[in-house]
Amino acid sequence: MRLTYVANPPRFTSVQDQAVVNRILERRARGPNGLGQLDRTLLHSPVLADGWNSFFGAIRKGALEGSTRELVICRVAALNNAPYEWMHHAPLAIQEGITEIGLKGLLTIEDEESTAVDNDYGAGLTELQIAVKRYTDAMTKHVAVPQGIYEGLVSQGLTEQQVVELTATIAGYNCVSRFLVALDVGEMNGKPIQL
């Protein structure tokens, strides 16, 4: 880690800052010493930690299925080489119903010309999950999403609310992975991502 972690529990004297810690602990559903390394990094800026907690709490309460959300998070972690993010979310993806074959496929980074037929791009995934993976890849690698990829996504029956939440989840977890890797939260940079 490039910074020091805030103590666990933090030694804040400000009532407002302690309220931020309490909100984080409530969302994380952990005991008083339950702050993770990411939380203890973000708490260098309590106002930022509070906004982060609120935003990612909202992502977890939306209309997206848990399997879709965790698929996206794991794919972003793989694309951005963020092993800390992967380590925390791969077990959740399995818990939410992503198969081990599907999870393994999220680790494979294809070249721009590859297709599902070429290299098992969609192995272990449903048609919806393949469309979500393609959308995640486009947003993460290029930001702009080609119309065909977008149409493939909406053809799977997602509501406009789900498309908004999916897009926010992909964007949000790209932010998370970049934050984690830039500051080497969890001291995992350079370590391979594994199942």
C-alpha atoms as a PDB file:
ATOM      1  CA  MET A   1       0.000   0.000   0.000  1.00  0.00           C
ATOM      2  CA  ARG A   2       1.320   3.356  -0.935  1.00  0.00           C
ATOM      3  CA  LEU A   3      -0.401   5.073   2.005  1.00  0.00           C
ATOM      4  CA  THR A   4      -0.812   3.987   5.592  1.00  0.00           C
ATOM      5  CA  TYR A   5      -4.140   2.442   6.491  1.00  0.00           C
ATOM      6  CA  VAL A   6      -6.373   4.369   8.874  1.00  0.00           C
ATOM      7  CA  ALA A   7      -6.454   2.592  12.259  1.00  0.00           C
ATOM      8  CA  ASN A   8      -9.124  -0.058  12.800  1.00  0.00           C
ATOM      9  CA  PRO A   9     -11.193   1.155  14.537  1.00  0.00           C
ATOM     10  CA  PRO A  10     -10.452   4.711  13.417  1.00  0.00           C
ATOM     11  CA  ARG A  11      -9.573   7.298  16.046  1.00  0.00           C
ATOM     12  CA  PHE A  12     -11.764  10.095  14.752  1.00  0.00           C
ATOM     13  CA  THR A  13     -12.698  12.855  17.185  1.00  0.00           C
ATOM     14  CA  SER A  14     -15.244  14.445  14.856  1.00  0.00           C
ATOM     15  CA  VAL A  15     -18.827  13.280  15.329  1.00  0.00           C
ATOM     16  CA  GLN A  16     -19.392  13.630  11.573  1.00  0.00           C
ATOM     17  CA  ASP A  17     -16.380  11.479  10.715  1.00  0.00           C
ATOM     18  CA  GLN A  18     -17.403   8.802  13.215  1.00  0.00           C
ATOM     19  CA  ALA A  19     -20.896   8.817  11.678  1.00  0.00           C
ATOM     20  CA  VAL A  20     -19.266   8.010   8.318  1.00  0.00           C
ATOM     21  CA  VAL A  21     -17.484   5.041   9.893  1.00  0.00           C
ATOM     22  CA  ASN A  22     -20.765   3.845  11.403  1.00  0.00           C
ATOM     23  CA  ARG A  23     -22.528   4.043   8.023  1.00  0.00           C
ATOM     24  CA  ILE A  24     -19.738   2.047   6.381  1.00  0.00           C
ATOM     25  CA  LEU A  25     -19.893  -0.603   9.108  1.00  0.00           C
ATOM     26  CA  GLU A  26     -23.675  -0.779   8.774  1.00  0.00           C
ATOM     27  CA  ARG A  27     -23.489  -1.339   5.001  1.00  0.00           C
ATOM     28  CA  ARG A  28     -20.690  -3.864   5.353  1.00  0.00           C
ATOM     29  CA  ALA A  29     -22.610  -5.632   8.163  1.00  0.00           C
ATOM     30  CA  ARG A  30     -19.433  -6.190  10.134  1.00  0.00           C
ATOM     31  CA  GLY A  31     -18.565  -5.609  13.769  1.00  0.00           C
ATOM     32  CA  PRO A  32     -16.834  -2.482  15.133  1.00  0.00           C
ATOM     33  CA  ASN A  33     -13.430  -3.652  13.852  1.00  0.00           C
ATOM     34  CA  GLY A  34     -14.838  -4.730  10.496  1.00  0.00           C
ATOM     35  CA  LEU A  35     -13.321  -2.137   8.211  1.00  0.00           C
ATOM     36  CA  GLY A  36     -11.501  -3.594   5.229  1.00  0.00           C
ATOM     37  CA  GLN A  37      -8.331  -2.263   3.674  1.00  0.00           C
ATOM     38  CA  LEU A  38     -10.300  -0.349   1.042  1.00  0.00           C
ATOM     39  CA  ASP A  39     -12.418   1.333   3.736  1.00  0.00           C
ATOM     40  CA  ARG A  40      -9.309   2.158   5.758  1.00  0.00           C
ATOM     41  CA  THR A  41      -7.768   3.779   2.691  1.00  0.00           C
ATOM     42  CA  LEU A  42     -10.866   5.769   1.754  1.00  0.00           C
ATOM     43  CA  LEU A  43     -11.222   7.032   5.326  1.00  0.00           C
ATOM     44  CA  HIS A  44      -8.218   9.299   4.790  1.00  0.00           C
ATOM     45  CA  SER A  45     -10.993  11.440   3.271  1.00  0.00           C
ATOM     46  CA  PRO A  46     -14.169  10.807   5.291  1.00  0.00           C
ATOM     47  CA  VAL A  47     -16.299  12.885   2.924  1.00  0.00           C
ATOM     48  CA  LEU A  48     -15.124  10.780  -0.037  1.00  0.00           C
ATOM     49  CA  ALA A  49     -15.554   7.541   1.936  1.00  0.00           C
ATOM     50  CA  ASP A  50     -19.124   8.564   2.752  1.00  0.00           C
ATOM     51  CA  GLY A  51     -20.025   9.255  -0.875  1.00  0.00           C
ATOM     52  CA  TRP A  52     -18.337   6.024  -1.987  1.00  0.00           C
ATOM     53  CA  ASN A  53     -20.273   4.061   0.623  1.00  0.00           C
ATOM     54  CA  SER A  54     -23.553   5.624  -0.450  1.00  0.00           C
ATOM     55  CA  PHE A  55     -22.934   5.039  -4.172  1.00  0.00           C
ATOM     56  CA  PHE A  56     -21.876   1.408  -3.842  1.00  0.00           C
ATOM     57  CA  GLY A  57     -24.655   0.742  -1.336  1.00  0.00           C
ATOM     58  CA  ALA A  58     -27.133   1.935  -3.978  1.00  0.00           C
ATOM     59  CA  ILE A  59     -25.565  -0.352  -6.588  1.00  0.00           C
ATOM     60  CA  ARG A  60     -26.226  -3.343  -4.322  1.00  0.00           C
ATOM     61  CA  LYS A  61     -29.885  -2.365  -3.774  1.00  0.00           C
ATOM     62  CA  GLY A  62     -30.856  -1.966  -7.422  1.00  0.00           C
ATOM     63  CA  ALA A  63     -32.827  -4.094  -9.859  1.00  0.00           C
ATOM     64  CA  LEU A  64     -29.833  -6.026 -11.251  1.00  0.00           C
ATOM     65  CA  GLU A  65     -29.603  -9.675 -10.344  1.00  0.00           C
ATOM     66  CA  GLY A  66     -26.699 -10.466  -8.039  1.00  0.00           C
ATOM     67  CA  SER A  67     -25.176 -12.813 -10.622  1.00  0.00           C
ATOM     68  CA  THR A  68     -25.125 -10.038 -13.238  1.00  0.00           C
ATOM     69  CA  ARG A  69     -23.599  -7.562 -10.802  1.00  0.00           C
ATOM     70  CA  GLU A  70     -20.861  -9.952  -9.658  1.00  0.00           C
ATOM     71  CA  LEU A  71     -20.111 -11.066 -13.234  1.00  0.00           C
ATOM     72  CA  VAL A  72     -19.505  -7.420 -14.151  1.00  0.00           C
ATOM     73  CA  ILE A  73     -17.323  -6.762 -11.111  1.00  0.00           C
ATOM     74  CA  CYS A  74     -15.180  -9.839 -11.747  1.00  0.00           C
ATOM     75  CA  ARG A  75     -14.822  -9.053 -15.454  1.00  0.00           C
ATOM     76  CA  VAL A  76     -13.728  -5.491 -14.676  1.00  0.00           C
ATOM     77  CA  ALA A  77     -11.232  -6.855 -12.133  1.00  0.00           C
ATOM     78  CA  ALA A  78      -9.797  -9.240 -14.739  1.00  0.00           C
ATOM     79  CA  LEU A  79      -9.590  -6.607 -17.483  1.00  0.00           C
ATOM     80  CA  ASN A  80      -7.922  -4.080 -15.173  1.00  0.00           C
ATOM     81  CA  ASN A  81      -5.676  -6.636 -13.459  1.00  0.00           C
ATOM     82  CA  ALA A  82      -7.095  -5.882 -10.023  1.00  0.00           C
ATOM     83  CA  PRO A  83      -6.525  -9.026  -7.925  1.00  0.00           C
ATOM     84  CA  TYR A  84      -7.799  -7.428  -4.693  1.00  0.00           C
ATOM     85  CA  GLU A  85     -11.154  -6.728  -6.358  1.00  0.00           C
ATOM     86  CA  TRP A  86     -11.262 -10.238  -7.858  1.00  0.00           C
ATOM     87  CA  MET A  87     -10.387 -11.905  -4.543  1.00  0.00           C
ATOM     88  CA  HIS A  88     -13.332 -10.228  -2.827  1.00  0.00           C
ATOM     89  CA  HIS A  89     -15.905 -10.722  -5.578  1.00  0.00           C
ATOM     90  CA  ALA A  90     -15.156 -14.128  -7.179  1.00  0.00           C
ATOM     91  CA  PRO A  91     -16.615 -15.992  -4.164  1.00  0.00           C
ATOM     92  CA  LEU A  92     -19.697 -13.742  -4.345  1.00  0.00           C
ATOM     93  CA  ALA A  93     -20.061 -14.517  -8.061  1.00  0.00           C
ATOM     94  CA  ILE A  94     -20.063 -18.252  -7.318  1.00  0.00           C
ATOM     95  CA  GLN A  95     -22.512 -17.669  -4.470  1.00  0.00           C
ATOM     96  CA  GLU A  96     -24.792 -15.762  -6.874  1.00  0.00           C
ATOM     97  CA  GLY A  97     -24.776 -18.627  -9.383  1.00  0.00           C
ATOM     98  CA  ILE A  98     -21.933 -17.928 -11.818  1.00  0.00           C
ATOM     99  CA  THR A  99     -20.426 -21.315 -12.663  1.00  0.00           C
ATOM    100  CA  GLU A 100     -16.750 -22.022 -12.161  1.00  0.00           C
ATOM    101  CA  ILE A 101     -16.412 -22.408 -15.956  1.00  0.00           C
ATOM    102  CA  GLY A 102     -18.094 -19.036 -16.434  1.00  0.00           C
ATOM    103  CA  LEU A 103     -15.857 -17.436 -13.818  1.00  0.00           C
ATOM    104  CA  LYS A 104     -12.758 -18.941 -15.429  1.00  0.00           C
ATOM    105  CA  GLY A 105     -13.864 -17.470 -18.766  1.00  0.00           C
ATOM    106  CA  LEU A 106     -13.975 -14.014 -17.201  1.00  0.00           C
ATOM    107  CA  LEU A 107     -10.226 -14.271 -16.618  1.00  0.00           C
ATOM    108  CA  THR A 108      -9.458 -14.785 -20.303  1.00  0.00           C
ATOM    109  CA  ILE A 109      -8.641 -11.502 -22.000  1.00  0.00           C
ATOM    110  CA  GLU A 110      -9.410 -11.865 -25.690  1.00  0.00           C
ATOM    111  CA  ASP A 111      -8.011  -9.817 -28.527  1.00  0.00           C
ATOM    112  CA  GLU A 112     -10.302  -7.394 -30.328  1.00  0.00           C
ATOM    113  CA  GLU A 113     -11.129  -9.809 -33.160  1.00  0.00           C
ATOM    114  CA  SER A 114     -12.145 -12.817 -31.075  1.00  0.00           C
ATOM    115  CA  THR A 115     -15.677 -14.168 -30.979  1.00  0.00           C
ATOM    116  CA  ALA A 116     -17.612 -16.638 -28.873  1.00  0.00           C
ATOM    117  CA  VAL A 117     -17.049 -19.307 -31.521  1.00  0.00           C
ATOM    118  CA  ASP A 118     -13.285 -18.687 -31.651  1.00  0.00           C
ATOM    119  CA  ASN A 119     -12.360 -19.103 -28.044  1.00  0.00           C
ATOM    120  CA  ASP A 120     -15.201 -20.076 -25.754  1.00  0.00           C
ATOM    121  CA  TYR A 121     -15.891 -16.406 -24.958  1.00  0.00           C
ATOM    122  CA  GLY A 122     -19.241 -17.417 -23.522  1.00  0.00           C
ATOM    123  CA  ALA A 123     -18.338 -20.778 -21.970  1.00  0.00           C
ATOM    124  CA  GLY A 124     -20.453 -21.400 -18.897  1.00  0.00           C
ATOM    125  CA  LEU A 125     -22.496 -18.226 -19.415  1.00  0.00           C
ATOM    126  CA  THR A 126     -26.094 -17.626 -20.433  1.00  0.00           C
ATOM    127  CA  GLU A 127     -26.951 -15.479 -23.471  1.00  0.00           C
ATOM    128  CA  LEU A 128     -27.710 -12.567 -21.138  1.00  0.00           C
ATOM    129  CA  GLN A 129     -24.378 -13.017 -19.357  1.00  0.00           C
ATOM    130  CA  ILE A 130     -22.504 -13.078 -22.684  1.00  0.00           C
ATOM    131  CA  ALA A 131     -24.218  -9.827 -23.706  1.00  0.00           C
ATOM    132  CA  VAL A 132     -23.334  -8.303 -20.319  1.00  0.00           C
ATOM    133  CA  LYS A 133     -19.721  -9.458 -20.687  1.00  0.00           C
ATOM    134  CA  ARG A 134     -19.488  -7.838 -24.136  1.00  0.00           C
ATOM    135  CA  TYR A 135     -20.986  -4.594 -22.813  1.00  0.00           C
ATOM    136  CA  THR A 136     -18.548  -4.650 -19.875  1.00  0.00           C
ATOM    137  CA  ASP A 137     -15.623  -5.249 -22.225  1.00  0.00           C
ATOM    138  CA  ALA A 138     -16.606  -2.347 -24.486  1.00  0.00           C
ATOM    139  CA  MET A 139     -17.084   0.077 -21.605  1.00  0.00           C
ATOM    140  CA  THR A 140     -13.894  -0.970 -19.830  1.00  0.00           C
ATOM    141  CA  LYS A 141     -11.589  -1.201 -22.842  1.00  0.00           C
ATOM    142  CA  HIS A 142     -12.950   1.620 -25.011  1.00  0.00           C
ATOM    143  CA  VAL A 143     -15.538   3.605 -22.993  1.00  0.00           C
ATOM    144  CA  ALA A 144     -17.705   4.033 -26.110  1.00  0.00           C
ATOM    145  CA  VAL A 145     -20.046   1.095 -26.707  1.00  0.00           C
ATOM    146  CA  PRO A 146     -20.722   0.101 -30.333  1.00  0.00           C
ATOM    147  CA  GLN A 147     -24.420   0.127 -31.241  1.00  0.00           C
ATOM    148  CA  GLY A 148     -24.407  -3.599 -32.041  1.00  0.00           C
ATOM    149  CA  ILE A 149     -23.149  -4.481 -28.564  1.00  0.00           C
ATOM    150  CA  TYR A 150     -25.753  -2.200 -26.974  1.00  0.00           C
ATOM    151  CA  GLU A 151     -28.533  -3.723 -29.087  1.00  0.00           C
ATOM    152  CA  GLY A 152     -27.337  -7.212 -28.169  1.00  0.00           C
ATOM    153  CA  LEU A 153     -27.650  -6.240 -24.523  1.00  0.00           C
ATOM    154  CA  VAL A 154     -31.130  -4.734 -24.689  1.00  0.00           C
ATOM    155  CA  SER A 155     -32.368  -7.629 -26.843  1.00  0.00           C
ATOM    156  CA  GLN A 156     -31.955  -9.781 -23.731  1.00  0.00           C
ATOM    157  CA  GLY A 157     -34.948  -8.060 -22.130  1.00  0.00           C
ATOM    158  CA  LEU A 158     -33.286  -5.706 -19.675  1.00  0.00           C
ATOM    159  CA  THR A 159     -35.422  -2.784 -18.561  1.00  0.00           C
ATOM    160  CA  GLU A 160     -34.141   0.772 -18.917  1.00  0.00           C
ATOM    161  CA  GLN A 161     -33.618   0.823 -15.149  1.00  0.00           C
ATOM    162  CA  GLN A 162     -31.483  -2.315 -15.382  1.00  0.00           C
ATOM    163  CA  VAL A 163     -29.443  -0.849 -18.260  1.00  0.00           C
ATOM    164  CA  VAL A 164     -28.780   2.294 -16.207  1.00  0.00           C
ATOM    165  CA  GLU A 165     -27.809   0.245 -13.156  1.00  0.00           C
ATOM    166  CA  LEU A 166     -25.640  -2.099 -15.216  1.00  0.00           C
ATOM    167  CA  THR A 167     -23.838   0.850 -16.796  1.00  0.00           C
ATOM    168  CA  ALA A 168     -23.328   2.495 -13.391  1.00  0.00           C
ATOM    169  CA  THR A 169     -22.026  -0.784 -11.952  1.00  0.00           C
ATOM    170  CA  ILE A 170     -19.484  -1.199 -14.750  1.00  0.00           C
ATOM    171  CA  ALA A 171     -18.393   2.438 -14.479  1.00  0.00           C
ATOM    172  CA  GLY A 172     -18.284   2.294 -10.687  1.00  0.00           C
ATOM    173  CA  TYR A 173     -16.196  -0.838 -10.478  1.00  0.00           C
ATOM    174  CA  ASN A 174     -13.796   0.505 -13.091  1.00  0.00           C
ATOM    175  CA  CYS A 175     -13.312   3.348 -10.609  1.00  0.00           C
ATOM    176  CA  VAL A 176     -12.812   0.839  -7.786  1.00  0.00           C
ATOM    177  CA  SER A 177     -10.217  -1.210  -9.672  1.00  0.00           C
ATOM    178  CA  ARG A 178      -8.269   1.855 -10.726  1.00  0.00           C
ATOM    179  CA  PHE A 179      -8.264   3.172  -7.148  1.00  0.00           C
ATOM    180  CA  LEU A 180      -7.163  -0.202  -5.757  1.00  0.00           C
ATOM    181  CA  VAL A 181      -4.369  -0.688  -8.281  1.00  0.00           C
ATOM    182  CA  ALA A 182      -3.081   2.904  -8.217  1.00  0.00           C
ATOM    183  CA  LEU A 183      -2.639   2.803  -4.429  1.00  0.00           C
ATOM    184  CA  ASP A 184      -1.888  -0.954  -4.239  1.00  0.00           C
ATOM    185  CA  VAL A 185      -4.616  -1.476  -1.664  1.00  0.00           C
ATOM    186  CA  GLY A 186      -4.198  -4.931  -0.161  1.00  0.00           C
ATOM    187  CA  GLU A 187      -0.615  -5.184  -1.469  1.00  0.00           C
ATOM    188  CA  MET A 188      -1.701  -7.405  -4.361  1.00  0.00           C
ATOM    189  CA  ASN A 189      -0.325  -5.592  -7.404  1.00  0.00           C
ATOM    190  CA  GLY A 190       1.685  -7.925  -9.590  1.00  0.00           C
ATOM    191  CA  LYS A 191       0.076 -11.048  -8.147  1.00  0.00           C
ATOM    192  CA  PRO A 192      -1.828 -13.282 -10.554  1.00  0.00           C
ATOM    193  CA  ILE A 193      -5.596 -13.400 -10.424  1.00  0.00           C
ATOM    194  CA  GLN A 194      -6.671 -16.953  -9.663  1.00  0.00           C
ATOM    195  CA  LEU A 195      -9.903 -18.873  -9.241  1.00  0.00           C
END
